[in-house]
PDB file of N, CA and C in Angstrom:
ATOM      1  N   MET A   1     -21.096   3.596  -7.751  1.00  0.00           N
ATOM      2  CA  MET A   1     -21.346   2.800  -9.167  1.00  0.00           C
ATOM      3  C   MET A   1     -20.389   2.586  -9.805  1.00  0.00           C
ATOM      4  N   PHE A   2     -19.264   3.402  -9.809  1.00  0.00           N
ATOM      5  CA  PHE A   2     -17.904   2.774 -10.467  1.00  0.00           C
ATOM      6  C   PHE A   2     -17.533   1.675  -9.820  1.00  0.00           C
ATOM      7  N   SER A   3     -17.397   1.613  -8.732  1.00  0.00           N
ATOM      8  CA  SER A   3     -16.578   0.342  -8.145  1.00  0.00           C
ATOM      9  C   SER A   3     -17.518  -0.832  -8.298  1.00  0.00           C
ATOM     10  N   LEU A   4     -19.006  -0.619  -8.593  1.00  0.00           N
ATOM     11  CA  LEU A   4     -19.674  -1.918  -8.893  1.00  0.00           C
ATOM     12  C   LEU A   4     -19.252  -2.449 -10.229  1.00  0.00           C
ATOM     13  N   SER A   5     -19.278  -1.348 -11.170  1.00  0.00           N
ATOM     14  CA  SER A   5     -18.809  -1.528 -12.476  1.00  0.00           C
ATOM     15  C   SER A   5     -17.557  -2.073 -12.625  1.00  0.00           C
ATOM     16  N   GLN A   6     -16.430  -1.722 -11.724  1.00  0.00           N
ATOM     17  CA  GLN A   6     -15.090  -2.609 -11.702  1.00  0.00           C
ATOM     18  C   GLN A   6     -15.138  -3.913 -11.385  1.00  0.00           C
ATOM     19  N   GLU A   7     -16.208  -3.977 -10.420  1.00  0.00           N
ATOM     20  CA  GLU A   7     -16.370  -5.407  -9.993  1.00  0.00           C
ATOM     21  C   GLU A   7     -17.163  -6.246 -10.813  1.00  0.00           C
ATOM     22  N   GLY A   8     -17.324  -5.971 -12.098  1.00  0.00           N
ATOM     23  CA  GLY A   8     -18.014  -6.854 -12.916  1.00  0.00           C
ATOM     24  C   GLY A   8     -19.472  -6.727 -13.276  1.00  0.00           C
ATOM     25  N   MET A   9     -20.009  -5.783 -12.421  1.00  0.00           N
ATOM     26  CA  MET A   9     -21.561  -5.816 -12.526  1.00  0.00           C
ATOM     27  C   MET A   9     -21.961  -5.156 -13.954  1.00  0.00           C
ATOM     28  N   SER A  10     -22.984  -5.845 -14.566  1.00  0.00           N
ATOM     29  CA  SER A  10     -23.736  -5.165 -15.771  1.00  0.00           C
ATOM     30  C   SER A  10     -24.405  -4.063 -15.156  1.00  0.00           C
ATOM     31  N   SER A  11     -24.719  -3.092 -16.357  1.00  0.00           N
ATOM     32  CA  SER A  11     -25.416  -1.833 -16.181  1.00  0.00           C
ATOM     33  C   SER A  11     -26.961  -2.401 -15.602  1.00  0.00           C
ATOM     34  N   ALA A  12     -27.227  -3.255 -16.093  1.00  0.00           N
ATOM     35  CA  ALA A  12     -28.723  -3.837 -15.424  1.00  0.00           C
ATOM     36  C   ALA A  12     -28.585  -3.947 -14.140  1.00  0.00           C
ATOM     37  N   GLU A  13     -27.520  -4.957 -13.523  1.00  0.00           N
ATOM     38  CA  GLU A  13     -27.317  -5.411 -12.350  1.00  0.00           C
ATOM     39  C   GLU A  13     -27.330  -4.035 -11.358  1.00  0.00           C
ATOM     40  N   ILE A  14     -26.360  -2.968 -11.883  1.00  0.00           N
ATOM     41  CA  ILE A  14     -26.222  -1.597 -11.041  1.00  0.00           C
ATOM     42  C   ILE A  14     -27.498  -1.030 -10.738  1.00  0.00           C
ATOM     43  N   ALA A  15     -27.871  -0.702 -12.345  1.00  0.00           N
ATOM     44  CA  ALA A  15     -29.390  -0.061 -12.066  1.00  0.00           C
ATOM     45  C   ALA A  15     -30.607  -0.733 -10.819  1.00  0.00           C
ATOM     46  N   GLY A  16     -30.417  -2.211 -10.865  1.00  0.00           N
ATOM     47  CA  GLY A  16     -31.374  -2.530  -9.909  1.00  0.00           C
ATOM     48  C   GLY A  16     -30.851  -2.561  -8.670  1.00  0.00           C
ATOM     49  N   LYS A  17     -29.589  -2.675  -8.280  1.00  0.00           N
ATOM     50  CA  LYS A  17     -29.225  -2.504  -7.179  1.00  0.00           C
ATOM     51  C   LYS A  17     -29.405  -0.881  -6.681  1.00  0.00           C
ATOM     52  N   LEU A  18     -29.077   0.131  -7.177  1.00  0.00           N
ATOM     53  CA  LEU A  18     -29.171   1.223  -6.915  1.00  0.00           C
ATOM     54  C   LEU A  18     -30.512   1.980  -7.147  1.00  0.00           C
ATOM     55  N   GLY A  19     -31.410   1.235  -7.506  1.00  0.00           N
ATOM     56  CA  GLY A  19     -32.799   1.551  -8.085  1.00  0.00           C
ATOM     57  C   GLY A  19     -32.744   3.022  -9.070  1.00  0.00           C
ATOM     58  N   LEU A  20     -31.982   2.552 -10.144  1.00  0.00           N
ATOM     59  CA  LEU A  20     -31.856   3.738 -11.373  1.00  0.00           C
ATOM     60  C   LEU A  20     -32.328   2.703 -12.278  1.00  0.00           C
ATOM     61  N   THR A  21     -32.467   3.770 -13.380  1.00  0.00           N
ATOM     62  CA  THR A  21     -33.027   3.125 -14.880  1.00  0.00           C
ATOM     63  C   THR A  21     -31.282   2.727 -15.225  1.00  0.00           C
ATOM     64  N   LYS A  22     -31.581   1.895 -16.297  1.00  0.00           N
ATOM     65  CA  LYS A  22     -30.407   1.371 -17.063  1.00  0.00           C
ATOM     66  C   LYS A  22     -29.682   2.653 -17.698  1.00  0.00           C
ATOM     67  N   GLU A  23     -30.460   3.235 -18.532  1.00  0.00           N
ATOM     68  CA  GLU A  23     -30.128   4.437 -19.112  1.00  0.00           C
ATOM     69  C   GLU A  23     -29.237   5.817 -18.140  1.00  0.00           C
ATOM     70  N   SER A  24     -29.907   5.805 -16.965  1.00  0.00           N
ATOM     71  CA  SER A  24     -29.297   6.463 -15.979  1.00  0.00           C
ATOM     72  C   SER A  24     -27.820   6.050 -15.732  1.00  0.00           C
ATOM     73  N   VAL A  25     -27.685   4.822 -15.368  1.00  0.00           N
ATOM     74  CA  VAL A  25     -26.341   4.346 -15.135  1.00  0.00           C
ATOM     75  C   VAL A  25     -25.294   4.593 -16.267  1.00  0.00           C
ATOM     76  N   TYR A  26     -25.935   4.437 -17.628  1.00  0.00           N
ATOM     77  CA  TYR A  26     -24.913   4.883 -18.726  1.00  0.00           C
ATOM     78  C   TYR A  26     -24.735   6.242 -18.703  1.00  0.00           C
ATOM     79  N   VAL A  27     -25.679   7.008 -18.616  1.00  0.00           N
ATOM     80  CA  VAL A  27     -24.923   8.439 -18.388  1.00  0.00           C
ATOM     81  C   VAL A  27     -24.090   8.824 -17.350  1.00  0.00           C
ATOM     82  N   LEU A  28     -24.505   8.061 -16.166  1.00  0.00           N
ATOM     83  CA  LEU A  28     -23.506   8.501 -14.911  1.00  0.00           C
ATOM     84  C   LEU A  28     -22.304   8.087 -15.432  1.00  0.00           C
ATOM     85  N   SER A  29     -22.361   6.791 -15.665  1.00  0.00           N
ATOM     86  CA  SER A  29     -20.890   6.458 -16.204  1.00  0.00           C
ATOM     87  C   SER A  29     -20.109   6.865 -17.186  1.00  0.00           C
ATOM     88  N   SER A  30     -20.730   7.481 -18.123  1.00  0.00           N
ATOM     89  CA  SER A  30     -19.960   8.339 -19.137  1.00  0.00           C
ATOM     90  C   SER A  30     -19.348   9.473 -18.366  1.00  0.00           C
ATOM     91  N   ARG A  31     -20.332   9.919 -17.433  1.00  0.00           N
ATOM     92  CA  ARG A  31     -19.939  11.664 -17.016  1.00  0.00           C
ATOM     93  C   ARG A  31     -18.642  11.039 -16.162  1.00  0.00           C
ATOM     94  N   VAL A  32     -18.720  10.071 -15.237  1.00  0.00           N
ATOM     95  CA  VAL A  32     -17.575   9.610 -14.496  1.00  0.00           C
ATOM     96  C   VAL A  32     -16.465   9.450 -15.399  1.00  0.00           C
ATOM     97  N   ARG A  33     -16.348   8.833 -16.420  1.00  0.00           N
ATOM     98  CA  ARG A  33     -15.376   8.411 -17.291  1.00  0.00           C
ATOM     99  C   ARG A  33     -14.573   9.722 -17.719  1.00  0.00           C
ATOM    100  N   SER A  34     -15.436  10.687 -18.370  1.00  0.00           N
ATOM    101  CA  SER A  34     -15.302  11.950 -19.048  1.00  0.00           C
ATOM    102  C   SER A  34     -14.355  12.745 -17.773  1.00  0.00           C
ATOM    103  N   LYS A  35     -14.973  12.716 -16.638  1.00  0.00           N
ATOM    104  CA  LYS A  35     -14.263  13.707 -15.437  1.00  0.00           C
ATOM    105  C   LYS A  35     -13.078  12.974 -15.215  1.00  0.00           C
ATOM    106  N   PHE A  36     -13.159  11.763 -14.998  1.00  0.00           N
ATOM    107  CA  PHE A  36     -11.557  10.909 -14.887  1.00  0.00           C
ATOM    108  C   PHE A  36     -10.318  11.332 -15.890  1.00  0.00           C
ATOM    109  N   ALA A  37     -10.986  11.224 -17.019  1.00  0.00           N
ATOM    110  CA  ALA A  37     -10.052  11.399 -18.029  1.00  0.00           C
ATOM    111  C   ALA A  37      -9.754  13.113 -17.973  1.00  0.00           C
ATOM    112  N   SER A  38     -10.469  13.750 -17.985  1.00  0.00           N
ATOM    113  CA  SER A  38     -10.172  15.362 -17.717  1.00  0.00           C
ATOM    114  C   SER A  38      -9.067  15.613 -16.447  1.00  0.00           C
ATOM    115  N   GLU A  39      -9.401  14.867 -15.410  1.00  0.00           N
ATOM    116  CA  GLU A  39      -8.430  15.127 -14.289  1.00  0.00           C
ATOM    117  C   GLU A  39      -6.749  14.314 -14.615  1.00  0.00           C
ATOM    118  N   VAL A  40      -7.154  13.238 -15.224  1.00  0.00           N
ATOM    119  CA  VAL A  40      -5.884  12.626 -15.505  1.00  0.00           C
ATOM    120  C   VAL A  40      -4.928  13.553 -16.470  1.00  0.00           C
ATOM    121  N   LYS A  41      -5.786  13.957 -17.449  1.00  0.00           N
ATOM    122  CA  LYS A  41      -5.181  15.188 -18.300  1.00  0.00           C
ATOM    123  C   LYS A  41      -4.455  16.391 -17.505  1.00  0.00           C
ATOM    124  N   LYS A  42      -5.192  16.602 -16.395  1.00  0.00           N
ATOM    125  CA  LYS A  42      -4.785  17.937 -15.921  1.00  0.00           C
ATOM    126  C   LYS A  42      -3.376  17.513 -15.049  1.00  0.00           C
ATOM    127  N   LEU A  43      -3.338  16.368 -14.511  1.00  0.00           N
ATOM    128  CA  LEU A  43      -2.474  15.922 -13.610  1.00  0.00           C
ATOM    129  C   LEU A  43      -0.848  15.758 -14.516  1.00  0.00           C
ATOM    130  N   ILE A  44      -1.228  15.265 -15.984  1.00  0.00           N
ATOM    131  CA  ILE A  44      -0.424  15.079 -16.852  1.00  0.00           C
ATOM    132  C   ILE A  44       0.213  16.296 -17.144  1.00  0.00           C
ATOM    133  N   ASN A  45      -0.654  17.177 -17.347  1.00  0.00           N
ATOM    134  CA  ASN A  45       0.074  18.559 -17.717  1.00  0.00           C
ATOM    135  C   ASN A  45       0.717  19.114 -16.750  1.00  0.00           C
ATOM    136  N   ASN A  46       0.171  19.083 -15.517  1.00  0.00           N
ATOM    137  CA  ASN A  46       1.153  19.501 -14.371  1.00  0.00           C
ATOM    138  C   ASN A  46       2.389  18.919 -14.033  1.00  0.00           C
ATOM    139  N   LEU A  47       2.822  17.642 -14.592  1.00  0.00           N
ATOM    140  CA  LEU A  47       3.779  17.137 -14.471  1.00  0.00           C
ATOM    141  C   LEU A  47       5.024  17.575 -15.595  1.00  0.00           C
ATOM    142  N   GLU A  48       4.294  17.790 -16.777  1.00  0.00           N
ATOM    143  CA  GLU A  48       5.210  18.293 -17.759  1.00  0.00           C
ATOM    144  C   GLU A  48       5.693  19.686 -17.531  1.00  0.00           C
ATOM    145  N   PHE A  49       6.875  20.141 -17.480  1.00  0.00           N
ATOM    146  CA  PHE A  49       7.146  21.701 -17.434  1.00  0.00           C
ATOM    147  C   PHE A  49       7.068  22.033 -18.591  1.00  0.00           C
TER     148      PHE A  49
END
């Protein structure tokens, strides 16, 4: 789903392609962004001594 979004597909297009509701796409996208941000913060903290 994340790669489809990066390719420029709209939430409605992604929902149709994956058989999800548009609302589910929004929720899942939000979770992915949140997890990604959390992992980036962990990496940055590990690089700082």
